[in-house]
């Protein structure tokens, strides 16, 4: 699509209306985020902050609270009538949305990486190639974001008396941002499904699938991957829309869902661990895989799950 014309009253009106709709979605996403936070705060205090702290606690905190910063900034950028910022050729709204989305994907998919690695007993043949795939997908998506952003034509004053950061050109090829990330999500989904299917078929490993902790991790991971896979496909389709004001309209909902699902995976792990160890998640329940030898393969998987949960 050729760049929109500010001399066309219809174009200006459409941009303004779409910006208002986007603002509604930003407010709705922020409302859902706050509501979920209120509902899960007691679990966070009980299952995270009153327990042992580790480096995965930092990961949880970033996944939990970074989204608040990004979502508040995005909401203000779309709702405030005085949001008039332009950095070089890159619209500030596009930049903030992109950074928020990329960083949130890194945080939440890191949690998924730990879970999938544990399902495979932290096998190097799965763990490190999957990590490389995650890094490559994020870097590829970032490159697409920068390339597309440098082509943007925008303005901070689309009409007399109207101050709003407005994109005038189509986000050409922005859908490519989701392609490498979809490859990663599809790979993790296949790995989880394959592991569960293999355990069900192999009678020697059926005890593994009978573990509440293993079932929980498998169910939570597959739920996350299915939801995110659908949302990423929807984003890829919308990103290719001819109207630039609609191209990133699903980004706020996507980042909020990523954060919420990642948090709930962590909470569920800690809660299930408490049940498995008789109602305690104190210092005595931390399991070190390096010092605890498992007699059976399924026990190794359960302990790998437990290590993630206790250090979350």
Protein backbone atom coordinates (compact mmCIF):
# COMPACT_ATOMS: atom_id res chain seq x y z
CA UNK A 1 0.00 0.00 0.00
CA UNK A 2 1.30 3.43 -0.80
CA UNK A 3 1.81 5.82 2.11
CA UNK A 4 -1.35 7.48 3.35
CA UNK A 5 -1.96 11.13 2.56
CA UNK A 6 -2.55 13.67 5.28
CA UNK A 7 -4.47 15.69 2.69
CA UNK A 8 -7.10 12.97 2.59
CA UNK A 9 -9.64 13.66 5.38
CA UNK A 10 -10.88 10.07 5.22
CA UNK A 11 -7.38 8.73 5.88
CA UNK A 12 -6.90 11.00 8.89
CA UNK A 13 -10.28 10.03 10.33
CA UNK A 14 -9.59 6.32 9.84
CA UNK A 15 -6.20 6.62 11.51
CA UNK A 16 -7.70 8.42 14.46
CA UNK A 17 -10.53 5.89 14.87
CA UNK A 18 -8.14 2.94 14.64
CA UNK A 19 -5.83 4.59 17.15
CA UNK A 20 -8.76 4.96 19.55
CA UNK A 21 -9.65 1.27 19.12
CA UNK A 22 -6.04 0.33 19.76
CA UNK A 23 -6.17 2.46 22.89
CA UNK A 24 -9.22 0.52 24.07
CA UNK A 25 -7.34 -2.74 23.59
CA UNK A 26 -4.35 -1.38 25.47
CA UNK A 27 -6.59 -0.39 28.39
CA UNK A 28 -8.37 -3.76 28.28
CA UNK A 29 -5.03 -5.62 28.30
CA UNK A 30 -3.77 -3.54 31.22
CA UNK A 31 -7.02 -4.18 33.10
CA UNK A 32 -6.70 -7.95 32.61
CA UNK A 33 -3.08 -7.78 33.73
CA UNK A 34 -3.95 -5.91 36.92
CA UNK A 35 -6.91 -8.17 37.64
CA UNK A 36 -4.77 -11.29 37.26
CA UNK A 37 -2.13 -9.73 39.50
CA UNK A 38 -4.65 -9.07 42.24
CA UNK A 39 -5.99 -12.62 42.02
CA UNK A 40 -2.57 -14.30 42.09
CA UNK A 41 -0.66 -12.01 44.48
CA UNK A 42 -1.34 -14.25 47.53
CA UNK A 43 0.05 -17.25 45.61
CA UNK A 44 3.09 -15.22 44.55
CA UNK A 45 3.88 -14.22 48.13
CA UNK A 46 3.33 -17.73 49.48
CA UNK A 47 4.97 -19.77 46.72
CA UNK A 48 7.79 -17.45 45.63
CA UNK A 49 8.81 -14.72 48.06
CA UNK A 50 8.48 -16.82 51.23
CA UNK A 51 10.64 -19.57 49.78
CA UNK A 52 14.27 -19.98 48.85
CA UNK A 53 15.51 -17.44 46.32
CA UNK A 54 17.48 -18.43 43.25
CA UNK A 55 18.37 -17.13 39.82
CA UNK A 56 15.06 -18.39 38.46
CA UNK A 57 13.37 -16.16 41.03
CA UNK A 58 14.86 -13.25 39.09
CA UNK A 59 13.43 -14.73 35.89
CA UNK A 60 10.02 -14.96 37.51
CA UNK A 61 10.20 -11.38 38.80
CA UNK A 62 11.13 -10.07 35.37
CA UNK A 63 8.39 -12.08 33.68
CA UNK A 64 5.91 -10.86 36.30
CA UNK A 65 6.74 -7.16 36.49
CA UNK A 66 8.38 -6.12 33.23
CA UNK A 67 5.04 -6.37 31.46
CA UNK A 68 3.59 -3.75 33.83
CA UNK A 69 6.18 -1.19 32.75
CA UNK A 70 5.74 -1.90 29.06
CA UNK A 71 1.96 -2.07 29.20
CA UNK A 72 1.59 1.17 31.16
CA UNK A 73 3.88 3.01 28.74
CA UNK A 74 2.03 1.58 25.73
CA UNK A 75 -1.35 2.46 27.19
CA UNK A 76 -0.33 6.03 27.93
CA UNK A 77 1.16 6.36 24.43
CA UNK A 78 -2.16 5.44 22.84
CA UNK A 79 -4.56 7.03 25.32
CA UNK A 80 -2.82 10.31 26.09
CA UNK A 81 -3.78 13.13 23.69
CA UNK A 82 -0.24 14.54 24.00
CA UNK A 83 1.68 11.43 22.91
CA UNK A 84 3.83 13.05 20.21
CA UNK A 85 7.19 11.34 19.88
CA UNK A 86 9.29 10.37 16.88
CA UNK A 87 12.75 8.78 17.02
CA UNK A 88 14.49 9.06 13.64
CA UNK A 89 12.17 7.23 11.24
CA UNK A 90 10.98 4.85 13.93
CA UNK A 91 7.63 5.60 15.49
CA UNK A 92 7.97 5.47 19.26
CA UNK A 93 4.76 3.46 19.56
CA UNK A 94 6.13 0.85 17.15
CA UNK A 95 9.46 0.76 19.00
CA UNK A 96 7.93 0.38 22.47
CA UNK A 97 5.53 -2.31 21.28
CA UNK A 98 8.34 -4.20 19.57
CA UNK A 99 10.74 -4.08 22.52
CA UNK A 100 8.02 -5.07 24.97
CA UNK A 101 6.94 -8.00 22.81
CA UNK A 102 10.46 -9.27 22.10
CA UNK A 103 11.59 -9.07 25.72
CA UNK A 104 8.41 -10.74 26.95
CA UNK A 105 8.88 -13.58 24.47
CA UNK A 106 12.44 -14.05 25.76
CA UNK A 107 11.28 -14.22 29.38
CA UNK A 108 8.34 -16.56 28.94
CA UNK A 109 9.98 -18.87 26.42
CA UNK A 110 12.94 -19.19 28.78
CA UNK A 111 10.55 -20.68 31.33
CA UNK A 112 9.22 -23.05 28.68
CA UNK A 113 12.79 -23.98 27.73
CA UNK A 114 13.49 -25.05 31.31
CA UNK A 115 10.33 -27.14 31.44
CA UNK A 116 10.97 -28.89 28.13
CA UNK A 117 14.61 -29.52 29.05
CA UNK A 118 13.52 -31.09 32.33
CA UNK A 119 11.05 -33.36 30.54
CA UNK A 120 14.03 -34.70 28.61
CA UNK A 121 16.13 -35.13 31.78
CA UNK A 122 18.20 -32.06 30.85
CA UNK A 123 19.65 -34.00 27.93
CA UNK A 124 22.32 -31.99 26.14
CA UNK A 125 20.98 -33.22 22.80
CA UNK A 126 17.72 -31.40 23.53
CA UNK A 127 18.63 -28.62 25.91
CA UNK A 128 21.36 -26.80 24.02
CA UNK A 129 20.01 -27.14 20.46
CA UNK A 130 16.67 -25.85 21.74
CA UNK A 131 18.42 -22.91 23.40
CA UNK A 132 20.28 -22.14 20.17
CA UNK A 133 17.00 -22.26 18.27
CA UNK A 134 15.43 -19.83 20.77
CA UNK A 135 18.34 -17.39 20.46
CA UNK A 136 18.36 -17.58 16.67
CA UNK A 137 14.60 -17.05 16.47
CA UNK A 138 14.76 -14.01 18.76
CA UNK A 139 17.69 -12.49 16.85
CA UNK A 140 15.96 -13.12 13.52
CA UNK A 141 12.78 -11.48 14.77
CA UNK A 142 14.75 -8.51 16.08
CA UNK A 143 16.45 -8.02 12.71
CA UNK A 144 13.06 -8.02 10.97
CA UNK A 145 11.75 -5.48 13.49
CA UNK A 146 14.66 -3.09 12.88
CA UNK A 147 14.55 -3.44 9.09
CA UNK A 148 10.80 -2.84 8.97
CA UNK A 149 11.07 0.01 11.45
CA UNK A 150 13.64 1.85 9.35
CA UNK A 151 11.16 1.93 6.46
CA UNK A 152 8.38 3.54 8.50
CA UNK A 153 7.00 6.90 7.46
CA UNK A 154 5.26 8.62 10.34
CA UNK A 155 4.22 11.95 11.76
CA UNK A 156 3.36 13.41 15.13
CA UNK A 157 0.80 15.88 13.75
CA UNK A 158 -1.55 14.07 11.37
CA UNK A 159 -4.06 16.93 11.32
CA UNK A 160 -4.34 20.51 12.61
CA UNK A 161 -4.97 20.36 16.33
CA UNK A 162 -4.45 16.60 16.47
CA UNK A 163 -1.25 15.45 18.17
CA UNK A 164 -0.67 11.74 17.83
CA UNK A 165 2.14 9.47 16.69
CA UNK A 166 0.73 8.19 13.40
CA UNK A 167 2.24 5.68 10.97
CA UNK A 168 1.66 6.59 7.33
CA UNK A 169 3.16 3.56 5.58
CA UNK A 170 2.42 -0.14 5.65
CA UNK A 171 4.51 -2.41 7.87
CA UNK A 172 5.90 -4.34 4.92
CA UNK A 173 7.11 -7.86 5.81
CA UNK A 174 6.49 -7.44 9.57
CA UNK A 175 4.78 -10.84 9.53
CA UNK A 176 8.26 -12.32 9.04
CA UNK A 177 8.98 -11.39 12.66
CA UNK A 178 6.77 -14.26 13.82
CA UNK A 179 8.06 -16.89 11.39
CA UNK A 180 11.27 -17.95 13.24
CA UNK A 181 9.49 -17.68 16.60
CA UNK A 182 6.71 -19.91 15.32
CA UNK A 183 9.38 -22.44 14.32
CA UNK A 184 10.66 -22.46 17.91
CA UNK A 185 7.17 -22.75 19.40
CA UNK A 186 6.27 -25.57 17.00
CA UNK A 187 9.49 -27.40 17.86
CA UNK A 188 8.86 -27.22 21.61
CA UNK A 189 5.26 -28.30 21.12
CA UNK A 190 6.36 -31.35 19.11
CA UNK A 191 9.01 -32.21 21.71
CA UNK A 192 6.52 -32.10 24.58
CA UNK A 193 3.88 -34.08 22.66
CA UNK A 194 6.45 -36.65 21.54
CA UNK A 195 7.81 -37.16 25.03
CA UNK A 196 4.35 -37.62 26.49
CA UNK A 197 3.26 -39.95 23.69
CA UNK A 198 6.42 -42.01 24.03
CA UNK A 199 5.93 -42.36 27.77
CA UNK A 200 2.34 -43.51 27.33
CA UNK A 201 3.30 -46.15 24.77
CA UNK A 202 6.29 -47.44 26.72
CA UNK A 203 4.97 -49.47 29.66
CA UNK A 204 8.33 -49.11 31.37
CA UNK A 205 7.83 -45.32 31.48
CA UNK A 206 4.13 -45.21 32.31
CA UNK A 207 4.99 -44.49 35.94
CA UNK A 208 6.46 -41.21 34.70
CA UNK A 209 3.15 -40.04 33.26
CA UNK A 210 1.41 -41.07 36.47
CA UNK A 211 3.42 -38.52 38.44
CA UNK A 212 1.22 -35.48 39.21
CA UNK A 213 4.23 -33.21 38.79
CA UNK A 214 5.14 -34.56 35.35
CA UNK A 215 1.51 -34.47 34.24
CA UNK A 216 1.24 -30.90 35.47
CA UNK A 217 4.32 -29.71 33.59
CA UNK A 218 3.24 -31.50 30.42
CA UNK A 219 -0.29 -30.10 30.61
CA UNK A 220 0.81 -26.54 31.44
CA UNK A 221 3.50 -26.49 28.77
CA UNK A 222 1.22 -27.84 26.05
CA UNK A 223 -1.54 -25.40 27.03
CA UNK A 224 0.88 -22.50 26.84
CA UNK A 225 2.31 -23.61 23.50
CA UNK A 226 -1.11 -24.17 21.92
CA UNK A 227 -2.46 -20.78 23.04
CA UNK A 228 0.71 -18.92 22.07
CA UNK A 229 0.99 -20.73 18.73
CA UNK A 230 -2.53 -19.61 17.80
CA UNK A 231 -1.88 -16.03 18.94
CA UNK A 232 1.41 -15.85 17.05
CA UNK A 233 -0.28 -17.01 13.85
CA UNK A 234 -3.00 -14.38 14.38
CA UNK A 235 -0.30 -11.74 14.85
CA UNK A 236 1.47 -12.83 11.68
CA UNK A 237 -1.78 -12.48 9.71
CA UNK A 238 -2.66 -9.10 11.22
CA UNK A 239 0.87 -7.76 10.78
CA UNK A 240 0.44 -8.17 7.05
CA UNK A 241 -2.70 -6.01 7.04
CA UNK A 242 -2.64 -3.12 4.59
CA UNK A 243 -3.73 -0.63 7.24
CA UNK A 244 -0.69 0.20 9.43
CA UNK A 245 -2.89 1.24 12.36
CA UNK A 246 -4.22 -2.33 12.58
CA UNK A 247 -0.93 -4.15 12.05
CA UNK A 248 0.15 -4.30 15.71
CA UNK A 249 -3.27 -4.24 17.30
CA UNK A 250 -2.87 -7.72 18.85
CA UNK A 251 0.53 -7.02 20.40
CA UNK A 252 -0.73 -5.83 23.84
CA UNK A 253 -2.98 -8.84 24.31
CA UNK A 254 -0.20 -11.18 23.18
CA UNK A 255 2.40 -9.86 25.62
CA UNK A 256 -0.06 -9.90 28.51
CA UNK A 257 -1.07 -13.50 27.79
CA UNK A 258 2.60 -14.53 27.58
CA UNK A 259 3.32 -13.06 31.00
CA UNK A 260 0.21 -14.48 32.66
CA UNK A 261 0.73 -18.01 31.33
CA UNK A 262 4.41 -17.97 32.30
CA UNK A 263 3.57 -16.86 35.83
CA UNK A 264 0.90 -19.51 36.23
CA UNK A 265 3.32 -22.23 35.09
CA UNK A 266 5.68 -21.18 37.87
CA UNK A 267 2.89 -21.05 40.47
CA UNK A 268 1.57 -24.47 39.50
CA UNK A 269 5.03 -26.02 39.76
CA UNK A 270 5.53 -24.67 43.24
CA UNK A 271 2.06 -25.67 44.37
CA UNK A 272 2.39 -29.22 43.07
CA UNK A 273 5.80 -29.52 44.70
CA UNK A 274 4.25 -28.57 48.03
CA UNK A 275 1.73 -31.38 47.67
CA UNK A 276 4.41 -33.91 46.69
CA UNK A 277 6.64 -33.18 49.66
CA UNK A 278 3.90 -33.27 52.25
CA UNK A 279 2.90 -29.64 52.43
CA UNK A 280 6.31 -28.01 52.73
CA UNK A 281 8.43 -25.94 50.34
CA UNK A 282 11.12 -24.78 52.73
CA UNK A 283 14.87 -25.08 52.59
CA UNK A 284 14.76 -28.82 53.26
CA UNK A 285 12.82 -29.52 50.07
CA UNK A 286 15.36 -28.13 47.62
CA UNK A 287 16.65 -30.98 45.51
CA UNK A 288 20.06 -30.90 43.90
CA UNK A 289 20.27 -33.17 40.89
CA UNK A 290 24.02 -33.25 41.22
CA UNK A 291 23.89 -35.04 44.58
CA UNK A 292 20.67 -37.08 44.40
CA UNK A 293 21.01 -40.25 42.33
CA UNK A 294 17.77 -41.59 40.88
CA UNK A 295 17.22 -45.32 40.64
CA UNK A 296 14.76 -45.03 37.73
CA UNK A 297 14.52 -42.69 34.70
CA UNK A 298 11.11 -41.38 35.72
CA UNK A 299 12.51 -40.32 39.08
CA UNK A 300 15.12 -38.22 37.27
CA UNK A 301 12.39 -36.41 35.36
CA UNK A 302 10.41 -35.76 38.52
CA UNK A 303 13.50 -34.42 40.26
CA UNK A 304 14.29 -32.20 37.30
CA UNK A 305 10.79 -30.77 37.57
CA UNK A 306 11.26 -30.34 41.30
CA UNK A 307 14.53 -28.47 40.86
CA UNK A 308 12.84 -25.95 38.59
CA UNK A 309 9.95 -25.55 40.99
CA UNK A 310 12.04 -25.12 44.11
CA UNK A 311 14.26 -22.51 42.49
CA UNK A 312 11.43 -20.50 40.96
